[in-house]
PDB file of N, CA and C in Angstrom:
ATOM      1  N   MET A   1     -25.984 236.132  63.390  1.00  0.00           N
ATOM      2  CA  MET A   1     -26.211 235.568  62.090  1.00  0.00           C
ATOM      3  C   MET A   1     -27.510 234.767  62.149  1.00  0.00           C
ATOM      4  N   GLY A   2     -28.387 235.010  61.230  1.00  0.00           N
ATOM      5  CA  GLY A   2     -29.659 234.308  61.204  1.00  0.00           C
ATOM      6  C   GLY A   2     -30.141 234.132  59.777  1.00  0.00           C
ATOM      7  N   LEU A   3     -31.158 233.415  59.676  1.00  0.00           N
ATOM      8  CA  LEU A   3     -31.736 233.140  58.363  1.00  0.00           C
ATOM      9  C   LEU A   3     -33.081 233.831  58.304  1.00  0.00           C
ATOM     10  N   LYS A   4     -33.258 234.653  57.304  1.00  0.00           N
ATOM     11  CA  LYS A   4     -34.536 235.309  57.090  1.00  0.00           C
ATOM     12  C   LYS A   4     -35.211 234.648  55.897  1.00  0.00           C
ATOM     13  N   LEU A   5     -36.442 234.308  56.095  1.00  0.00           N
ATOM     14  CA  LEU A   5     -37.189 233.651  55.032  1.00  0.00           C
ATOM     15  C   LEU A   5     -38.533 234.346  54.896  1.00  0.00           C
ATOM     16  N   ASP A   6     -38.797 234.859  53.730  1.00  0.00           N
ATOM     17  CA  ASP A   6     -40.075 235.517  53.464  1.00  0.00           C
ATOM     18  C   ASP A   6     -41.032 234.485  52.865  1.00  0.00           C
ATOM     19  N   THR A   7     -42.013 234.085  53.642  1.00  0.00           N
ATOM     20  CA  THR A   7     -42.955 233.059  53.187  1.00  0.00           C
ATOM     21  C   THR A   7     -44.247 233.648  52.637  1.00  0.00           C
ATOM     22  N   SER A   8     -44.336 234.946  52.523  1.00  0.00           N
ATOM     23  CA  SER A   8     -45.589 235.549  52.059  1.00  0.00           C
ATOM     24  C   SER A   8     -45.926 235.102  50.635  1.00  0.00           C
ATOM     25  N   GLY A   9     -44.923 235.014  49.778  1.00  0.00           N
ATOM     26  CA  GLY A   9     -45.164 234.542  48.410  1.00  0.00           C
ATOM     27  C   GLY A   9     -45.607 233.091  48.382  1.00  0.00           C
ATOM     28  N   LEU A  10     -45.009 232.284  49.242  1.00  0.00           N
ATOM     29  CA  LEU A  10     -45.368 230.872  49.322  1.00  0.00           C
ATOM     30  C   LEU A  10     -46.811 230.711  49.797  1.00  0.00           C
ATOM     31  N   LEU A  11     -47.163 231.449  50.841  1.00  0.00           N
ATOM     32  CA  LEU A  11     -48.524 231.357  51.367  1.00  0.00           C
ATOM     33  C   LEU A  11     -49.552 231.840  50.348  1.00  0.00           C
ATOM     34  N   LYS A  12     -49.201 232.898  49.624  1.00  0.00           N
ATOM     35  CA  LYS A  12     -50.101 233.399  48.586  1.00  0.00           C
ATOM     36  C   LYS A  12     -50.273 232.344  47.492  1.00  0.00           C
ATOM     37  N   GLY A  13     -49.172 231.724  47.094  1.00  0.00           N
ATOM     38  CA  GLY A  13     -49.225 230.676  46.072  1.00  0.00           C
ATOM     39  C   GLY A  13     -50.036 229.479  46.517  1.00  0.00           C
ATOM     40  N   LEU A  14     -49.888 229.092  47.783  1.00  0.00           N
ATOM     41  CA  LEU A  14     -50.669 227.969  48.308  1.00  0.00           C
ATOM     42  C   LEU A  14     -52.153 228.306  48.346  1.00  0.00           C
ATOM     43  N   GLY A  15     -52.456 229.546  48.700  1.00  0.00           N
ATOM     44  CA  GLY A  15     -53.853 229.978  48.719  1.00  0.00           C
ATOM     45  C   GLY A  15     -54.468 229.950  47.330  1.00  0.00           C
ATOM     46  N   GLU A  16     -53.706 230.391  46.328  1.00  0.00           N
ATOM     47  CA  GLU A  16     -54.191 230.360  44.948  1.00  0.00           C
ATOM     48  C   GLU A  16     -54.369 228.923  44.468  1.00  0.00           C
ATOM     49  N   ALA A  17     -53.445 228.042  44.848  1.00  0.00           N
ATOM     50  CA  ALA A  17     -53.554 226.630  44.463  1.00  0.00           C
ATOM     51  C   ALA A  17     -54.795 226.008  45.092  1.00  0.00           C
ATOM     52  N   ASP A  18     -55.085 226.383  46.340  1.00  0.00           N
ATOM     53  CA  ASP A  18     -56.268 225.859  47.024  1.00  0.00           C
ATOM     54  C   ASP A  18     -57.547 226.311  46.319  1.00  0.00           C
ATOM     55  N   ILE A  19     -57.586 227.555  45.900  1.00  0.00           N
ATOM     56  CA  ILE A  19     -58.756 228.082  45.189  1.00  0.00           C
ATOM     57  C   ILE A  19     -58.937 227.360  43.854  1.00  0.00           C
ATOM     58  N   LYS A  20     -57.832 227.155  43.129  1.00  0.00           N
ATOM     59  CA  LYS A  20     -57.908 226.454  41.842  1.00  0.00           C
ATOM     60  C   LYS A  20     -58.352 225.007  42.033  1.00  0.00           C
ATOM     61  N   MET A  21     -57.845 224.360  43.078  1.00  0.00           N
ATOM     62  CA  MET A  21     -58.218 222.971  43.351  1.00  0.00           C
ATOM     63  C   MET A  21     -59.703 222.880  43.684  1.00  0.00           C
ATOM     64  N   LYS A  22     -60.188 223.808  44.507  1.00  0.00           N
ATOM     65  CA  LYS A  22     -61.605 223.792  44.879  1.00  0.00           C
ATOM     66  C   LYS A  22     -62.477 224.026  43.648  1.00  0.00           C
ATOM     67  N   ALA A  23     -62.047 224.911  42.766  1.00  0.00           N
ATOM     68  CA  ALA A  23     -62.807 225.156  41.539  1.00  0.00           C
ATOM     69  C   ALA A  23     -62.827 223.915  40.656  1.00  0.00           C
ATOM     70  N   ALA A  24     -61.686 223.247  40.520  1.00  0.00           N
ATOM     71  CA  ALA A  24     -61.612 222.035  39.698  1.00  0.00           C
ATOM     72  C   ALA A  24     -62.491 220.931  40.274  1.00  0.00           C
ATOM     73  N   VAL A  25     -62.466 220.772  41.578  1.00  0.00           N
ATOM     74  CA  VAL A  25     -63.297 219.757  42.232  1.00  0.00           C
ATOM     75  C   VAL A  25     -64.778 220.085  42.023  1.00  0.00           C
ATOM     76  N   GLY A  26     -65.143 221.351  42.154  1.00  0.00           N
ATOM     77  CA  GLY A  26     -66.535 221.753  41.958  1.00  0.00           C
ATOM     78  C   GLY A  26     -67.023 221.485  40.543  1.00  0.00           C
ATOM     79  N   VAL A  27     -66.203 221.809  39.559  1.00  0.00           N
ATOM     80  CA  VAL A  27     -66.573 221.566  38.159  1.00  0.00           C
ATOM     81  C   VAL A  27     -66.726 220.069  37.911  1.00  0.00           C
ATOM     82  N   TYR A  28     -65.780 219.278  38.420  1.00  0.00           N
ATOM     83  CA  TYR A  28     -65.838 217.830  38.220  1.00  0.00           C
ATOM     84  C   TYR A  28     -67.078 217.232  38.888  1.00  0.00           C
ATOM     85  N   CYS A  29     -67.338 217.638  40.121  1.00  0.00           N
ATOM     86  CA  CYS A  29     -68.492 217.093  40.848  1.00  0.00           C
ATOM     87  C   CYS A  29     -69.802 217.462  40.165  1.00  0.00           C
ATOM     88  N   ASP A  30     -69.908 218.681  39.658  1.00  0.00           N
ATOM     89  CA  ASP A  30     -71.125 219.083  38.966  1.00  0.00           C
ATOM     90  C   ASP A  30     -71.309 218.264  37.691  1.00  0.00           C
ATOM     91  N   ALA A  31     -70.228 218.052  36.944  1.00  0.00           N
ATOM     92  CA  ALA A  31     -70.308 217.239  35.728  1.00  0.00           C
ATOM     93  C   ALA A  31     -70.700 215.800  36.059  1.00  0.00           C
ATOM     94  N   ALA A  32     -70.156 215.264  37.148  1.00  0.00           N
ATOM     95  CA  ALA A  32     -70.492 213.897  37.559  1.00  0.00           C
ATOM     96  C   ALA A  32     -71.966 213.797  37.940  1.00  0.00           C
ATOM     97  N   GLY A  33     -72.480 214.783  38.657  1.00  0.00           N
ATOM     98  CA  GLY A  33     -73.890 214.789  39.034  1.00  0.00           C
ATOM     99  C   GLY A  33     -74.812 214.892  37.828  1.00  0.00           C
ATOM    100  N   LYS A  34     -74.440 215.721  36.866  1.00  0.00           N
ATOM    101  CA  LYS A  34     -75.244 215.857  35.647  1.00  0.00           C
ATOM    102  C   LYS A  34     -75.215 214.566  34.831  1.00  0.00           C
ATOM    103  N   LYS A  35     -74.078 213.870  34.854  1.00  0.00           N
ATOM    104  CA  LYS A  35     -73.980 212.581  34.159  1.00  0.00           C
ATOM    105  C   LYS A  35     -74.913 211.562  34.816  1.00  0.00           C
ATOM    106  N   LEU A  36     -74.939 211.536  36.138  1.00  0.00           N
ATOM    107  CA  LEU A  36     -75.858 210.643  36.848  1.00  0.00           C
ATOM    108  C   LEU A  36     -77.308 210.950  36.468  1.00  0.00           C
ATOM    109  N   GLU A  37     -77.632 212.228  36.384  1.00  0.00           N
ATOM    110  CA  GLU A  37     -78.987 212.636  36.003  1.00  0.00           C
ATOM    111  C   GLU A  37     -79.338 212.128  34.605  1.00  0.00           C
ATOM    112  N   ARG A  38     -78.439 212.355  33.639  1.00  0.00           N
ATOM    113  CA  ARG A  38     -78.699 211.903  32.267  1.00  0.00           C
ATOM    114  C   ARG A  38     -78.896 210.389  32.197  1.00  0.00           C
ATOM    115  N   GLU A  39     -78.016 209.650  32.865  1.00  0.00           N
ATOM    116  CA  GLU A  39     -78.107 208.191  32.818  1.00  0.00           C
ATOM    117  C   GLU A  39     -79.365 207.676  33.511  1.00  0.00           C
ATOM    118  N   ALA A  40     -79.733 208.277  34.627  1.00  0.00           N
ATOM    119  CA  ALA A  40     -80.942 207.843  35.333  1.00  0.00           C
ATOM    120  C   ALA A  40     -82.183 208.093  34.476  1.00  0.00           C
ATOM    121  N   LYS A  41     -82.232 209.237  33.818  1.00  0.00           N
ATOM    122  CA  LYS A  41     -83.378 209.532  32.956  1.00  0.00           C
ATOM    123  C   LYS A  41     -83.427 208.593  31.754  1.00  0.00           C
ATOM    124  N   ALA A  42     -82.286 208.303  31.174  1.00  0.00           N
ATOM    125  CA  ALA A  42     -82.237 207.464  29.970  1.00  0.00           C
ATOM    126  C   ALA A  42     -82.506 205.993  30.269  1.00  0.00           C
ATOM    127  N   ASN A  43     -82.086 205.518  31.427  1.00  0.00           N
ATOM    128  CA  ASN A  43     -82.150 204.087  31.732  1.00  0.00           C
ATOM    129  C   ASN A  43     -83.249 203.707  32.714  1.00  0.00           C
ATOM    130  N   ARG A  44     -84.205 204.573  32.940  1.00  0.00           N
ATOM    131  CA  ARG A  44     -85.264 204.271  33.902  1.00  0.00           C
ATOM    132  C   ARG A  44     -85.974 202.989  33.486  1.00  0.00           C
ATOM    133  N   PRO A  45     -86.281 202.107  34.438  1.00  0.00           N
ATOM    134  CA  PRO A  45     -86.885 200.815  34.100  1.00  0.00           C
ATOM    135  C   PRO A  45     -88.411 200.844  34.038  1.00  0.00           C
ATOM    136  N   TRP A  46     -89.013 201.996  34.129  1.00  0.00           N
ATOM    137  CA  TRP A  46     -90.464 202.074  34.097  1.00  0.00           C
ATOM    138  C   TRP A  46     -90.915 202.810  32.834  1.00  0.00           C
ATOM    139  N   THR A  47     -92.189 202.635  32.503  1.00  0.00           N
ATOM    140  CA  THR A  47     -92.813 203.360  31.402  1.00  0.00           C
ATOM    141  C   THR A  47     -93.497 204.577  31.997  1.00  0.00           C
ATOM    142  N   ASP A  48     -93.268 205.735  31.407  1.00  0.00           N
ATOM    143  CA  ASP A  48     -93.902 206.956  31.910  1.00  0.00           C
ATOM    144  C   ASP A  48     -95.409 206.888  31.681  1.00  0.00           C
ATOM    145  N   ARG A  49     -96.157 206.837  32.763  1.00  0.00           N
ATOM    146  CA  ARG A  49     -97.614 206.883  32.675  1.00  0.00           C
ATOM    147  C   ARG A  49     -98.095 208.311  32.977  1.00  0.00           C
ATOM    148  N   GLN A  50     -97.345 208.975  33.817  1.00  0.00           N
ATOM    149  CA  GLN A  50     -97.564 210.391  34.091  1.00  0.00           C
ATOM    150  C   GLN A  50     -96.237 211.082  33.814  1.00  0.00           C
ATOM    151  N   PRO A  51     -96.276 212.249  33.265  1.00  0.00           N
ATOM    152  CA  PRO A  51     -95.015 212.920  32.918  1.00  0.00           C
ATOM    153  C   PRO A  51     -94.376 213.635  34.110  1.00  0.00           C
ATOM    154  N   LEU A  52     -94.305 212.964  35.262  1.00  0.00           N
ATOM    155  CA  LEU A  52     -93.796 213.633  36.453  1.00  0.00           C
ATOM    156  C   LEU A  52     -92.461 213.086  36.937  1.00  0.00           C
ATOM    157  N   ALA A  53     -92.292 211.781  36.961  1.00  0.00           N
ATOM    158  CA  ALA A  53     -91.111 211.196  37.603  1.00  0.00           C
ATOM    159  C   ALA A  53     -89.820 211.534  36.862  1.00  0.00           C
ATOM    160  N   ARG A  54     -89.771 211.282  35.574  1.00  0.00           N
ATOM    161  CA  ARG A  54     -88.521 211.478  34.827  1.00  0.00           C
ATOM    162  C   ARG A  54     -88.032 212.931  34.848  1.00  0.00           C
ATOM    163  N   PRO A  55     -88.883 213.920  34.591  1.00  0.00           N
ATOM    164  CA  PRO A  55     -88.375 215.298  34.593  1.00  0.00           C
ATOM    165  C   PRO A  55     -87.880 215.784  35.957  1.00  0.00           C
ATOM    166  N   THR A  56     -88.324 215.123  37.035  1.00  0.00           N
ATOM    167  CA  THR A  56     -87.900 215.591  38.355  1.00  0.00           C
ATOM    168  C   THR A  56     -86.594 214.961  38.819  1.00  0.00           C
ATOM    169  N   ILE A  57     -86.023 214.062  38.029  1.00  0.00           N
ATOM    170  CA  ILE A  57     -84.706 213.513  38.382  1.00  0.00           C
ATOM    171  C   ILE A  57     -83.691 214.630  38.178  1.00  0.00           C
ATOM    172  N   LYS A  58     -82.973 214.956  39.217  1.00  0.00           N
ATOM    173  CA  LYS A  58     -81.982 216.036  39.170  1.00  0.00           C
ATOM    174  C   LYS A  58     -80.649 215.530  39.695  1.00  0.00           C
ATOM    175  N   GLY A  59     -79.585 215.967  39.085  1.00  0.00           N
ATOM    176  CA  GLY A  59     -78.242 215.624  39.537  1.00  0.00           C
ATOM    177  C   GLY A  59     -77.379 216.864  39.550  1.00  0.00           C
ATOM    178  N   GLY A  60     -76.381 216.865  40.400  1.00  0.00           N
ATOM    179  CA  GLY A  60     -75.490 218.013  40.486  1.00  0.00           C
ATOM    180  C   GLY A  60     -74.539 217.867  41.649  1.00  0.00           C
ATOM    181  N   LYS A  61     -74.137 219.007  42.183  1.00  0.00           N
ATOM    182  CA  LYS A  61     -73.226 219.017  43.329  1.00  0.00           C
ATOM    183  C   LYS A  61     -73.662 220.091  44.296  1.00  0.00           C
ATOM    184  N   GLU A  62     -73.242 219.915  45.550  1.00  0.00           N
ATOM    185  CA  GLU A  62     -73.461 220.953  46.554  1.00  0.00           C
ATOM    186  C   GLU A  62     -72.294 220.929  47.521  1.00  0.00           C
ATOM    187  N   TRP A  63     -71.897 222.098  47.948  1.00  0.00           N
ATOM    188  CA  TRP A  63     -70.801 222.213  48.909  1.00  0.00           C
ATOM    189  C   TRP A  63     -71.373 222.145  50.313  1.00  0.00           C
ATOM    190  N   GLN A  64     -70.749 221.347  51.147  1.00  0.00           N
ATOM    191  CA  GLN A  64     -71.076 221.274  52.570  1.00  0.00           C
ATOM    192  C   GLN A  64     -69.781 221.568  53.307  1.00  0.00           C
ATOM    193  N   GLY A  65     -69.576 222.841  53.609  1.00  0.00           N
ATOM    194  CA  GLY A  65     -68.301 223.257  54.192  1.00  0.00           C
ATOM    195  C   GLY A  65     -67.213 223.112  53.146  1.00  0.00           C
ATOM    196  N   SER A  66     -66.201 222.343  53.449  1.00  0.00           N
ATOM    197  CA  SER A  66     -65.104 222.141  52.500  1.00  0.00           C
ATOM    198  C   SER A  66     -65.285 220.865  51.677  1.00  0.00           C
ATOM    199  N   LYS A  67     -66.417 220.199  51.838  1.00  0.00           N
ATOM    200  CA  LYS A  67     -66.672 218.949  51.113  1.00  0.00           C
ATOM    201  C   LYS A  67     -67.670 219.194  49.988  1.00  0.00           C
ATOM    202  N   CYS A  68     -67.390 218.590  48.856  1.00  0.00           N
ATOM    203  CA  CYS A  68     -68.281 218.688  47.711  1.00  0.00           C
ATOM    204  C   CYS A  68     -69.042 217.373  47.591  1.00  0.00           C
ATOM    205  N   ARG A  69     -70.348 217.451  47.546  1.00  0.00           N
ATOM    206  CA  ARG A  69     -71.199 216.265  47.515  1.00  0.00           C
ATOM    207  C   ARG A  69     -71.879 216.169  46.154  1.00  0.00           C
ATOM    208  N   VAL A  70     -71.736 215.023  45.499  1.00  0.00           N
ATOM    209  CA  VAL A  70     -72.410 214.749  44.233  1.00  0.00           C
ATOM    210  C   VAL A  70     -73.749 214.098  44.567  1.00  0.00           C
ATOM    211  N   PHE A  71     -74.812 214.493  43.867  1.00  0.00           N
ATOM    212  CA  PHE A  71     -76.114 213.903  44.161  1.00  0.00           C
ATOM    213  C   PHE A  71     -76.904 213.632  42.887  1.00  0.00           C
ATOM    214  N   VAL A  72     -77.808 212.694  43.001  1.00  0.00           N
ATOM    215  CA  VAL A  72     -78.868 212.471  42.021  1.00  0.00           C
ATOM    216  C   VAL A  72     -80.108 212.152  42.845  1.00  0.00           C
ATOM    217  N   SER A  73     -81.220 212.783  42.504  1.00  0.00           N
ATOM    218  CA  SER A  73     -82.424 212.601  43.310  1.00  0.00           C
ATOM    219  C   SER A  73     -83.665 212.606  42.430  1.00  0.00           C
ATOM    220  N   GLY A  74     -84.713 211.987  42.939  1.00  0.00           N
ATOM    221  CA  GLY A  74     -86.025 212.027  42.310  1.00  0.00           C
ATOM    222  C   GLY A  74     -86.935 212.852  43.196  1.00  0.00           C
ATOM    223  N   ASN A  75     -87.669 213.760  42.611  1.00  0.00           N
ATOM    224  CA  ASN A  75     -88.375 214.756  43.416  1.00  0.00           C
ATOM    225  C   ASN A  75     -89.889 214.750  43.228  1.00  0.00           C
ATOM    226  N   THR A  76     -90.488 213.570  43.229  1.00  0.00           N
ATOM    227  CA  THR A  76     -91.944 213.484  43.287  1.00  0.00           C
ATOM    228  C   THR A  76     -92.305 212.727  44.554  1.00  0.00           C
ATOM    229  N   ASP A  77     -93.538 212.884  44.984  1.00  0.00           N
ATOM    230  CA  ASP A  77     -93.930 212.238  46.237  1.00  0.00           C
ATOM    231  C   ASP A  77     -93.965 210.717  46.134  1.00  0.00           C
ATOM    232  N   TYR A  78     -94.024 210.158  44.938  1.00  0.00           N
ATOM    233  CA  TYR A  78     -94.050 208.701  44.814  1.00  0.00           C
ATOM    234  C   TYR A  78     -92.714 208.104  44.373  1.00  0.00           C
ATOM    235  N   PHE A  79     -91.671 208.916  44.321  1.00  0.00           N
ATOM    236  CA  PHE A  79     -90.378 208.399  43.875  1.00  0.00           C
ATOM    237  C   PHE A  79     -89.823 207.350  44.833  1.00  0.00           C
ATOM    238  N   GLU A  80     -90.102 207.491  46.117  1.00  0.00           N
ATOM    239  CA  GLU A  80     -89.622 206.483  47.074  1.00  0.00           C
ATOM    240  C   GLU A  80     -90.220 205.115  46.773  1.00  0.00           C
ATOM    241  N   TYR A  81     -91.438 205.070  46.244  1.00  0.00           N
ATOM    242  CA  TYR A  81     -92.036 203.786  45.875  1.00  0.00           C
ATOM    243  C   TYR A  81     -91.352 203.195  44.644  1.00  0.00           C
ATOM    244  N   LEU A  82     -90.990 204.064  43.708  1.00  0.00           N
ATOM    245  CA  LEU A  82     -90.249 203.576  42.540  1.00  0.00           C
ATOM    246  C   LEU A  82     -88.915 202.964  42.967  1.00  0.00           C
ATOM    247  N   GLU A  83     -88.275 203.567  43.951  1.00  0.00           N
ATOM    248  CA  GLU A  83     -86.950 203.099  44.379  1.00  0.00           C
ATOM    249  C   GLU A  83     -86.995 201.884  45.297  1.00  0.00           C
ATOM    250  N   PHE A  84     -87.995 201.796  46.169  1.00  0.00           N
ATOM    251  CA  PHE A  84     -87.957 200.783  47.223  1.00  0.00           C
ATOM    252  C   PHE A  84     -89.052 199.719  47.154  1.00  0.00           C
ATOM    253  N   ALA A  85     -90.159 199.978  46.487  1.00  0.00           N
ATOM    254  CA  ALA A  85     -91.244 198.992  46.440  1.00  0.00           C
ATOM    255  C   ALA A  85     -91.020 197.998  45.296  1.00  0.00           C
ATOM    256  N   HIS A  86     -91.842 196.982  45.255  1.00  0.00           N
ATOM    257  CA  HIS A  86     -91.806 195.972  44.187  1.00  0.00           C
ATOM    258  C   HIS A  86     -90.426 195.337  44.036  1.00  0.00           C
ATOM    259  N   GLU A  87     -89.804 194.976  45.159  1.00  0.00           N
ATOM    260  CA  GLU A  87     -88.462 194.374  45.188  1.00  0.00           C
ATOM    261  C   GLU A  87     -87.442 195.232  44.422  1.00  0.00           C
ATOM    262  N   LYS A  88     -87.630 196.548  44.456  1.00  0.00           N
ATOM    263  CA  LYS A  88     -86.753 197.526  43.807  1.00  0.00           C
ATOM    264  C   LYS A  88     -86.682 197.335  42.293  1.00  0.00           C
ATOM    265  N   LYS A  89     -87.739 196.794  41.733  1.00  0.00           N
ATOM    266  CA  LYS A  89     -87.812 196.547  40.290  1.00  0.00           C
ATOM    267  C   LYS A  89     -87.711 197.843  39.485  1.00  0.00           C
ATOM    268  N   TYR A  90     -88.211 198.942  40.029  1.00  0.00           N
ATOM    269  CA  TYR A  90     -88.217 200.213  39.306  1.00  0.00           C
ATOM    270  C   TYR A  90     -87.155 201.190  39.806  1.00  0.00           C
ATOM    271  N   ALA A  91     -86.240 200.713  40.619  1.00  0.00           N
ATOM    272  CA  ALA A  91     -85.181 201.581  41.160  1.00  0.00           C
ATOM    273  C   ALA A  91     -84.247 202.028  40.044  1.00  0.00           C
ATOM    274  N   ILE A  92     -83.855 203.286  40.081  1.00  0.00           N
ATOM    275  CA  ILE A  92     -82.899 203.795  39.098  1.00  0.00           C
ATOM    276  C   ILE A  92     -81.808 204.639  39.743  1.00  0.00           C
ATOM    277  N   LEU A  93     -82.087 205.327  40.832  1.00  0.00           N
ATOM    278  CA  LEU A  93     -81.091 206.234  41.410  1.00  0.00           C
ATOM    279  C   LEU A  93     -79.900 205.469  41.986  1.00  0.00           C
ATOM    280  N   TRP A  94     -80.153 204.544  42.893  1.00  0.00           N
ATOM    281  CA  TRP A  94     -79.054 203.796  43.513  1.00  0.00           C
ATOM    282  C   TRP A  94     -78.304 202.942  42.488  1.00  0.00           C
ATOM    283  N   PRO A  95     -78.983 202.231  41.590  1.00  0.00           N
ATOM    284  CA  PRO A  95     -78.233 201.487  40.576  1.00  0.00           C
ATOM    285  C   PRO A  95     -77.355 202.380  39.696  1.00  0.00           C
ATOM    286  N   THR A  96     -77.817 203.590  39.406  1.00  0.00           N
ATOM    287  CA  THR A  96     -77.013 204.517  38.607  1.00  0.00           C
ATOM    288  C   THR A  96     -75.778 204.953  39.383  1.00  0.00           C
ATOM    289  N   ILE A  97     -75.941 205.229  40.667  1.00  0.00           N
ATOM    290  CA  ILE A  97     -74.792 205.603  41.506  1.00  0.00           C
ATOM    291  C   ILE A  97     -73.797 204.458  41.570  1.00  0.00           C
ATOM    292  N   GLN A  98     -74.283 203.246  41.804  1.00  0.00           N
ATOM    293  CA  GLN A  98     -73.387 202.094  41.894  1.00  0.00           C
ATOM    294  C   GLN A  98     -72.636 201.862  40.587  1.00  0.00           C
ATOM    295  N   ALA A  99     -73.305 202.030  39.466  1.00  0.00           N
ATOM    296  CA  ALA A  99     -72.675 201.788  38.170  1.00  0.00           C
ATOM    297  C   ALA A  99     -71.593 202.815  37.849  1.00  0.00           C
ATOM    298  N   ASN A 100     -71.681 204.011  38.423  1.00  0.00           N
ATOM    299  CA  ASN A 100     -70.753 205.086  38.076  1.00  0.00           C
ATOM    300  C   ASN A 100     -69.774 205.465  39.172  1.00  0.00           C
ATOM    301  N   SER A 101     -69.930 204.944  40.375  1.00  0.00           N
ATOM    302  CA  SER A 101     -69.115 205.415  41.502  1.00  0.00           C
ATOM    303  C   SER A 101     -67.624 205.153  41.301  1.00  0.00           C
ATOM    304  N   LYS A 102     -67.251 204.018  40.757  1.00  0.00           N
ATOM    305  CA  LYS A 102     -65.829 203.719  40.570  1.00  0.00           C
ATOM    306  C   LYS A 102     -65.189 204.709  39.602  1.00  0.00           C
ATOM    307  N   LYS A 103     -65.856 204.981  38.479  1.00  0.00           N
ATOM    308  CA  LYS A 103     -65.320 205.936  37.505  1.00  0.00           C
ATOM    309  C   LYS A 103     -65.232 207.340  38.099  1.00  0.00           C
ATOM    310  N   MET A 104     -66.241 207.718  38.888  1.00  0.00           N
ATOM    311  CA  MET A 104     -66.220 209.052  39.496  1.00  0.00           C
ATOM    312  C   MET A 104     -65.060 209.182  40.472  1.00  0.00           C
ATOM    313  N   LEU A 105     -64.826 208.150  41.268  1.00  0.00           N
ATOM    314  CA  LEU A 105     -63.714 208.192  42.225  1.00  0.00           C
ATOM    315  C   LEU A 105     -62.366 208.203  41.512  1.00  0.00           C
ATOM    316  N   GLU A 106     -62.245 207.456  40.421  1.00  0.00           N
ATOM    317  CA  GLU A 106     -60.999 207.470  39.649  1.00  0.00           C
ATOM    318  C   GLU A 106     -60.745 208.853  39.059  1.00  0.00           C
ATOM    319  N   GLY A 107     -61.787 209.486  38.547  1.00  0.00           N
ATOM    320  CA  GLY A 107     -61.650 210.834  38.003  1.00  0.00           C
ATOM    321  C   GLY A 107     -61.258 211.840  39.071  1.00  0.00           C
ATOM    322  N   MET A 108     -61.848 211.726  40.245  1.00  0.00           N
ATOM    323  CA  MET A 108     -61.495 212.630  41.346  1.00  0.00           C
ATOM    324  C   MET A 108     -60.058 212.402  41.779  1.00  0.00           C
ATOM    325  N   HIS A 109     -59.633 211.159  41.784  1.00  0.00           N
ATOM    326  CA  HIS A 109     -58.251 210.838  42.154  1.00  0.00           C
ATOM    327  C   HIS A 109     -57.272 211.512  41.191  1.00  0.00           C
ATOM    328  N   LYS A 110     -57.596 211.516  39.904  1.00  0.00           N
ATOM    329  CA  LYS A 110     -56.727 212.166  38.911  1.00  0.00           C
ATOM    330  C   LYS A 110     -56.625 213.667  39.163  1.00  0.00           C
ATOM    331  N   ILE A 111     -57.737 214.281  39.543  1.00  0.00           N
ATOM    332  CA  ILE A 111     -57.714 215.720  39.835  1.00  0.00           C
ATOM    333  C   ILE A 111     -56.852 216.001  41.056  1.00  0.00           C
ATOM    334  N   LEU A 112     -57.010 215.193  42.088  1.00  0.00           N
ATOM    335  CA  LEU A 112     -56.296 215.437  43.341  1.00  0.00           C
ATOM    336  C   LEU A 112     -54.816 215.091  43.247  1.00  0.00           C
ATOM    337  N   GLU A 113     -54.425 214.271  42.268  1.00  0.00           N
ATOM    338  CA  GLU A 113     -53.007 213.947  42.079  1.00  0.00           C
ATOM    339  C   GLU A 113     -52.210 215.152  41.611  1.00  0.00           C
ATOM    340  N   LYS A 114     -52.846 216.031  40.860  1.00  0.00           N
ATOM    341  CA  LYS A 114     -52.145 217.164  40.231  1.00  0.00           C
ATOM    342  C   LYS A 114     -51.673 218.174  41.231  1.00  0.00           C
TER     343      LYS A 114
END
């Protein structure tokens, strides 16, 4: 007398749930990155003297193995000076991340609870 248990359906269901979860996380992370981009462009503390810095601010997500990374970046050669020089008076990327990180983590927590 023994117990036979067919777990193939369970494993298939878990695999589908994993795919759906990864898709949901990817969509959320991309939306969060785009939100960071919009806010950084809108709230920049400098006046555009050259039309280069603001358009090069990009936000989004990228997968690194099984981890999804949200990013916002400035892509001109002088962006590091905007962020770090002049007592960080013109910084926008890090302040934008700090202002939104709690909400982003709360949103991710809601996704992972499901």
